[in-house]
C-alpha atoms as a PDB file:
ATOM      1  CA  MET A   1      24.037 -46.167-144.718  1.00  0.00           C
ATOM      2  CA  MET A   2      24.743 -42.537-145.702  1.00  0.00           C
ATOM      3  CA  GLN A   3      21.618 -42.647-147.929  1.00  0.00           C
ATOM      4  CA  LYS A   4      19.029 -43.451-145.520  1.00  0.00           C
ATOM      5  CA  PHE A   5      20.529 -41.205-142.910  1.00  0.00           C
ATOM      6  CA  VAL A   6      19.638 -38.340-145.577  1.00  0.00           C
ATOM      7  CA  LYS A   7      16.009 -39.709-146.382  1.00  0.00           C
ATOM      8  CA  VAL A   8      15.222 -39.336-142.767  1.00  0.00           C
ATOM      9  CA  TYR A   9      16.517 -36.175-142.607  1.00  0.00           C
ATOM     10  CA  ASP A  10      14.641 -34.965-145.593  1.00  0.00           C
ATOM     11  CA  GLU A  11      11.552 -36.120-143.776  1.00  0.00           C
ATOM     12  CA  TRP A  12      12.503 -34.636-140.865  1.00  0.00           C
ATOM     13  CA  GLU A  13      12.762 -31.430-142.249  1.00  0.00           C
ATOM     14  CA  ALA A  14       9.867 -31.413-144.110  1.00  0.00           C
ATOM     15  CA  LYS A  15       8.196 -32.431-140.934  1.00  0.00           C
ATOM     16  CA  VAL A  16       9.209 -29.845-139.091  1.00  0.00           C
ATOM     17  CA  LEU A  17       8.298 -26.957-141.866  1.00  0.00           C
ATOM     18  CA  VAL A  18       4.920 -27.794-142.094  1.00  0.00           C
ATOM     19  CA  GLY A  19       4.509 -27.861-138.520  1.00  0.00           C
ATOM     20  CA  SER A  20       5.860 -24.895-137.561  1.00  0.00           C
ATOM     21  CA  LEU A  21       4.368 -23.552-141.017  1.00  0.00           C
ATOM     22  CA  VAL A  22       0.613 -25.381-139.096  1.00  0.00           C
ATOM     23  CA  PHE A  23       1.716 -23.401-135.962  1.00  0.00           C
ATOM     24  CA  THR A  24       2.077 -20.410-136.686  1.00  0.00           C
ATOM     25  CA  VAL A  25      -0.618 -20.174-138.448  1.00  0.00           C
ATOM     26  CA  LEU A  26      -2.417 -21.113-135.669  1.00  0.00           C
ATOM     27  CA  LEU A  27      -0.435 -18.706-133.356  1.00  0.00           C
ATOM     28  CA  ILE A  28      -1.274 -15.589-135.868  1.00  0.00           C
ATOM     29  CA  PHE A  29      -4.956 -16.661-136.039  1.00  0.00           C
ATOM     30  CA  SER A  30      -4.981 -16.539-132.106  1.00  0.00           C
ATOM     31  CA  GLN A  31      -3.354 -13.350-131.888  1.00  0.00           C
ATOM     32  CA  ILE A  32      -5.883 -11.652-134.144  1.00  0.00           C
ATOM     33  CA  ILE A  33      -8.665 -13.563-132.256  1.00  0.00           C
ATOM     34  CA  ALA A  34      -7.711 -11.858-129.449  1.00  0.00           C
ATOM     35  CA  ARG A  35      -7.661  -8.568-130.472  1.00  0.00           C
ATOM     36  CA  THR A  36     -10.978  -8.730-131.530  1.00  0.00           C
ATOM     37  CA  PHE A  37     -11.442  -9.308-128.548  1.00  0.00           C
ATOM     38  CA  GLY A  38      -9.794  -6.399-126.921  1.00  0.00           C
ATOM     39  CA  SER A  39      -6.304  -8.574-125.406  1.00  0.00           C
ATOM     40  CA  SER A  40      -2.865  -9.439-126.615  1.00  0.00           C
ATOM     41  CA  LEU A  41      -0.810 -12.112-126.658  1.00  0.00           C
ATOM     42  CA  SER A  42       2.505  -9.771-126.228  1.00  0.00           C
ATOM     43  CA  TRP A  43       4.710 -12.692-126.730  1.00  0.00           C
ATOM     44  CA  SER A  44       3.104 -14.454-130.116  1.00  0.00           C
ATOM     45  CA  GLU A  45       4.521 -11.967-132.985  1.00  0.00           C
ATOM     46  CA  GLU A  46       8.101 -12.454-131.148  1.00  0.00           C
ATOM     47  CA  LEU A  47       7.759 -16.066-131.135  1.00  0.00           C
ATOM     48  CA  ALA A  48       5.981 -16.029-134.913  1.00  0.00           C
ATOM     49  CA  ARG A  49       9.352 -13.950-135.809  1.00  0.00           C
ATOM     50  CA  TYR A  50      11.624 -16.624-135.035  1.00  0.00           C
ATOM     51  CA  ILE A  51       9.848 -19.629-136.034  1.00  0.00           C
ATOM     52  CA  PHE A  52       9.429 -17.771-139.507  1.00  0.00           C
ATOM     53  CA  ILE A  53      13.413 -17.357-139.161  1.00  0.00           C
ATOM     54  CA  TRP A  54      14.157 -20.823-138.644  1.00  0.00           C
ATOM     55  CA  GLN A  55      11.752 -21.735-141.527  1.00  0.00           C
ATOM     56  CA  ILE A  56      13.772 -19.381-143.715  1.00  0.00           C
ATOM     57  CA  TRP A  57      16.788 -20.864-143.135  1.00  0.00           C
ATOM     58  CA  LEU A  58      15.837 -24.782-143.431  1.00  0.00           C
ATOM     59  CA  GLY A  59      13.619 -23.635-146.435  1.00  0.00           C
ATOM     60  CA  MET A  60      17.031 -22.650-147.945  1.00  0.00           C
ATOM     61  CA  SER A  61      17.717 -26.735-147.610  1.00  0.00           C
ATOM     62  CA  ILE A  62      14.793 -28.040-149.044  1.00  0.00           C
ATOM     63  CA  GLY A  63      15.311 -25.563-151.429  1.00  0.00           C
ATOM     64  CA  LEU A  64      18.226 -27.052-153.056  1.00  0.00           C
ATOM     65  CA  LYS A  65      17.432 -30.588-152.336  1.00  0.00           C
ATOM     66  CA  ASP A  66      14.276 -29.846-154.873  1.00  0.00           C
ATOM     67  CA  ASN A  67      16.457 -27.611-157.098  1.00  0.00           C
ATOM     68  CA  LYS A  68      14.258 -24.726-156.803  1.00  0.00           C
ATOM     69  CA  HIS A  69      17.132 -22.094-155.707  1.00  0.00           C
ATOM     70  CA  ILE A  70      17.119 -19.026-157.851  1.00  0.00           C
ATOM     71  CA  HIS A  71      19.611 -19.756-160.778  1.00  0.00           C
ATOM     72  CA  VAL A  72      20.800 -17.643-164.134  1.00  0.00           C
ATOM     73  CA  GLU A  73      20.086 -20.102-166.832  1.00  0.00           C
ATOM     74  CA  MET A  74      20.873 -17.581-169.779  1.00  0.00           C
ATOM     75  CA  LEU A  75      24.614 -18.467-169.603  1.00  0.00           C
ATOM     76  CA  TYR A  76      23.536 -22.185-169.886  1.00  0.00           C
ATOM     77  CA  GLN A  77      22.174 -21.455-172.875  1.00  0.00           C
ATOM     78  CA  PHE A  78      25.357 -20.071-174.939  1.00  0.00           C
ATOM     79  CA  ILE A  79      27.958 -22.717-173.229  1.00  0.00           C
ATOM     80  CA  LYS A  80      27.501 -26.831-173.748  1.00  0.00           C
ATOM     81  CA  GLY A  81      29.036 -29.113-173.379  1.00  0.00           C
ATOM     82  CA  ARG A  82      31.865 -29.617-171.052  1.00  0.00           C
ATOM     83  CA  PRO A  83      32.788 -25.735-170.328  1.00  0.00           C
ATOM     84  CA  ALA A  84      29.187 -25.607-169.028  1.00  0.00           C
ATOM     85  CA  ARG A  85      29.809 -28.881-166.770  1.00  0.00           C
ATOM     86  CA  VAL A  86      32.985 -26.696-165.244  1.00  0.00           C
ATOM     87  CA  MET A  87      31.332 -23.655-164.261  1.00  0.00           C
ATOM     88  CA  LYS A  88      28.379 -25.729-162.518  1.00  0.00           C
ATOM     89  CA  ILE A  89      31.396 -27.119-160.820  1.00  0.00           C
ATOM     90  CA  ILE A  90      32.591 -23.650-159.821  1.00  0.00           C
ATOM     91  CA  VAL A  91      29.561 -22.278-159.380  1.00  0.00           C
ATOM     92  CA  THR A  92      28.785 -25.711-156.946  1.00  0.00           C
ATOM     93  CA  ILE A  93      32.228 -24.659-154.988  1.00  0.00           C
ATOM     94  CA  LEU A  94      31.553 -21.116-154.590  1.00  0.00           C
ATOM     95  CA  CYS A  95      28.354 -21.662-153.187  1.00  0.00           C
ATOM     96  CA  ILE A  96      30.243 -24.488-150.222  1.00  0.00           C
ATOM     97  CA  VAL A  97      32.323 -21.834-149.830  1.00  0.00           C
ATOM     98  CA  LEU A  98      29.792 -19.658-148.894  1.00  0.00           C
ATOM     99  CA  CYS A  99      28.186 -21.857-146.864  1.00  0.00           C
ATOM    100  CA  GLY A 100      31.240 -22.649-144.956  1.00  0.00           C
ATOM    101  CA  VAL A 101      31.740 -18.688-144.061  1.00  0.00           C
ATOM    102  CA  LEU A 102      28.164 -18.666-143.140  1.00  0.00           C
ATOM    103  CA  VAL A 103      28.661 -21.784-140.814  1.00  0.00           C
ATOM    104  CA  TYR A 104      32.053 -20.307-139.094  1.00  0.00           C
ATOM    105  CA  TYR A 105      30.832 -16.324-138.437  1.00  0.00           C
ATOM    106  CA  GLY A 106      26.997 -17.997-137.709  1.00  0.00           C
ATOM    107  CA  GLY A 107      29.052 -19.544-135.016  1.00  0.00           C
ATOM    108  CA  ILE A 108      30.798 -17.136-133.906  1.00  0.00           C
ATOM    109  CA  TYR A 109      27.336 -15.069-133.731  1.00  0.00           C
ATOM    110  CA  THR A 110      25.402 -17.874-132.058  1.00  0.00           C
ATOM    111  CA  GLN A 111      28.828 -18.654-129.634  1.00  0.00           C
ATOM    112  CA  ASN A 112      28.760 -14.626-128.677  1.00  0.00           C
ATOM    113  CA  ALA A 113      24.976 -14.419-127.865  1.00  0.00           C
ATOM    114  CA  LEU A 114      25.253 -17.677-125.672  1.00  0.00           C
ATOM    115  CA  LYS A 115      28.331 -16.264-124.100  1.00  0.00           C
ATOM    116  CA  ARG A 116      26.221 -12.948-123.092  1.00  0.00           C
ATOM    117  CA  GLY A 117      23.135 -14.793-122.548  1.00  0.00           C
ATOM    118  CA  THR A 118      21.258 -12.146-124.253  1.00  0.00           C
ATOM    119  CA  LEU A 119      17.561 -13.108-124.143  1.00  0.00           C
ATOM    120  CA  SER A 120      14.390 -11.856-125.892  1.00  0.00           C
ATOM    121  CA  ALA A 121      12.495  -9.121-125.565  1.00  0.00           C
ATOM    122  CA  ALA A 122       8.400 -10.731-124.829  1.00  0.00           C
ATOM    123  CA  LEU A 123       9.251 -14.230-124.388  1.00  0.00           C
ATOM    124  CA  ARG A 124      12.618 -14.141-122.809  1.00  0.00           C
ATOM    125  CA  MET A 125      14.175 -17.065-124.317  1.00  0.00           C
ATOM    126  CA  PRO A 126      17.762 -16.926-125.291  1.00  0.00           C
ATOM    127  CA  LEU A 127      18.517 -15.370-128.605  1.00  0.00           C
ATOM    128  CA  TRP A 128      21.356 -18.067-129.604  1.00  0.00           C
ATOM    129  CA  TRP A 129      18.632 -20.653-130.308  1.00  0.00           C
ATOM    130  CA  VAL A 130      17.396 -18.515-132.928  1.00  0.00           C
ATOM    131  CA  TYR A 131      21.474 -17.342-134.033  1.00  0.00           C
ATOM    132  CA  LEU A 132      21.339 -21.070-134.050  1.00  0.00           C
ATOM    133  CA  ALA A 133      19.445 -21.415-137.243  1.00  0.00           C
ATOM    134  CA  LEU A 134      22.286 -19.835-139.834  1.00  0.00           C
ATOM    135  CA  PRO A 135      25.209 -22.138-138.772  1.00  0.00           C
ATOM    136  CA  PHE A 136      22.705 -25.084-138.750  1.00  0.00           C
ATOM    137  CA  SER A 137      21.137 -24.692-142.035  1.00  0.00           C
ATOM    138  CA  SER A 138      24.430 -23.654-143.637  1.00  0.00           C
ATOM    139  CA  LEU A 139      25.998 -26.594-142.549  1.00  0.00           C
ATOM    140  CA  ILE A 140      23.259 -28.879-143.822  1.00  0.00           C
ATOM    141  CA  THR A 141      22.638 -26.822-147.315  1.00  0.00           C
ATOM    142  CA  GLY A 142      26.769 -26.685-147.478  1.00  0.00           C
ATOM    143  CA  LEU A 143      26.688 -30.645-147.335  1.00  0.00           C
ATOM    144  CA  ARG A 144      23.697 -30.692-149.833  1.00  0.00           C
ATOM    145  CA  TYR A 145      26.225 -28.874-152.109  1.00  0.00           C
ATOM    146  CA  ALA A 146      28.654 -31.252-151.392  1.00  0.00           C
ATOM    147  CA  CYS A 147      26.965 -34.073-152.355  1.00  0.00           C
ATOM    148  CA  GLN A 148      25.746 -32.507-155.495  1.00  0.00           C
ATOM    149  CA  LEU A 149      29.690 -31.868-156.072  1.00  0.00           C
ATOM    150  CA  TRP A 150      30.080 -35.618-155.561  1.00  0.00           C
ATOM    151  CA  THR A 151      27.395 -36.131-158.295  1.00  0.00           C
ATOM    152  CA  GLN A 152      28.547 -33.273-160.656  1.00  0.00           C
ATOM    153  CA  LEU A 153      32.780 -34.494-160.723  1.00  0.00           C
ATOM    154  CA  LYS A 154      31.664 -38.277-160.849  1.00  0.00           C
ATOM    155  CA  ASN A 155      29.596 -37.260-163.909  1.00  0.00           C
ATOM    156  CA  PHE A 156      31.731 -34.998-165.620  1.00  0.00           C
ATOM    157  CA  GLY A 157      33.025 -37.476-168.250  1.00  0.00           C
ATOM    158  CA  ALA A 158      29.314 -39.218-169.207  1.00  0.00           C
ATOM    159  CA  PRO A 159      27.866 -38.256-172.573  1.00  0.00           C
ATOM    160  CA  ASP A 160      25.810 -34.295-172.366  1.00  0.00           C
ATOM    161  CA  ALA A 161      22.152 -35.419-172.756  1.00  0.00           C
ATOM    162  CA  GLU A 162      22.160 -32.943-175.778  1.00  0.00           C
ATOM    163  CA  ALA A 163      24.880 -34.834-177.345  1.00  0.00           C
ATOM    164  CA  ILE A 164      22.908 -38.441-177.170  1.00  0.00           C
ATOM    165  CA  GLN A 165      19.612 -36.412-178.721  1.00  0.00           C
ATOM    166  CA  ALA A 166      21.572 -35.304-181.199  1.00  0.00           C
ATOM    167  CA  HIS A 167      22.842 -39.106-182.539  1.00  0.00           C
END
């Protein structure tokens, strides 16, 4: 059940990111065309910026799923076996804590914007929609880290791939 939900979410996330990228390119292209004819879309740059913010935060989750985040691999060259596994577990726990902090404070920031009724300059849209990108994406990324931690703990006692190859 959970794996099916994750698969559906993964597909949705990828479609949203690709669709928003295509939309943003078309939006910016329209702005360029409008400017060449002496006109301008007053709201297009603001909308592109807000879409870009959501793309970045949602991309954080996809980057984790595809293991594309920046890692400090140098330490793992010197630490092998069980100590390396422990270090990876500690790093994953720290990432979960960081995501929790981002969810908490991002949620407070979003709630404050909602209470104040803050609107964007050109579009006059509620800014809490933009701010929601932080707690939402941090929650999804934190859940991905939690799944990663579960796998790390489950495989903690398994033999190392390097030890198997050495025999």
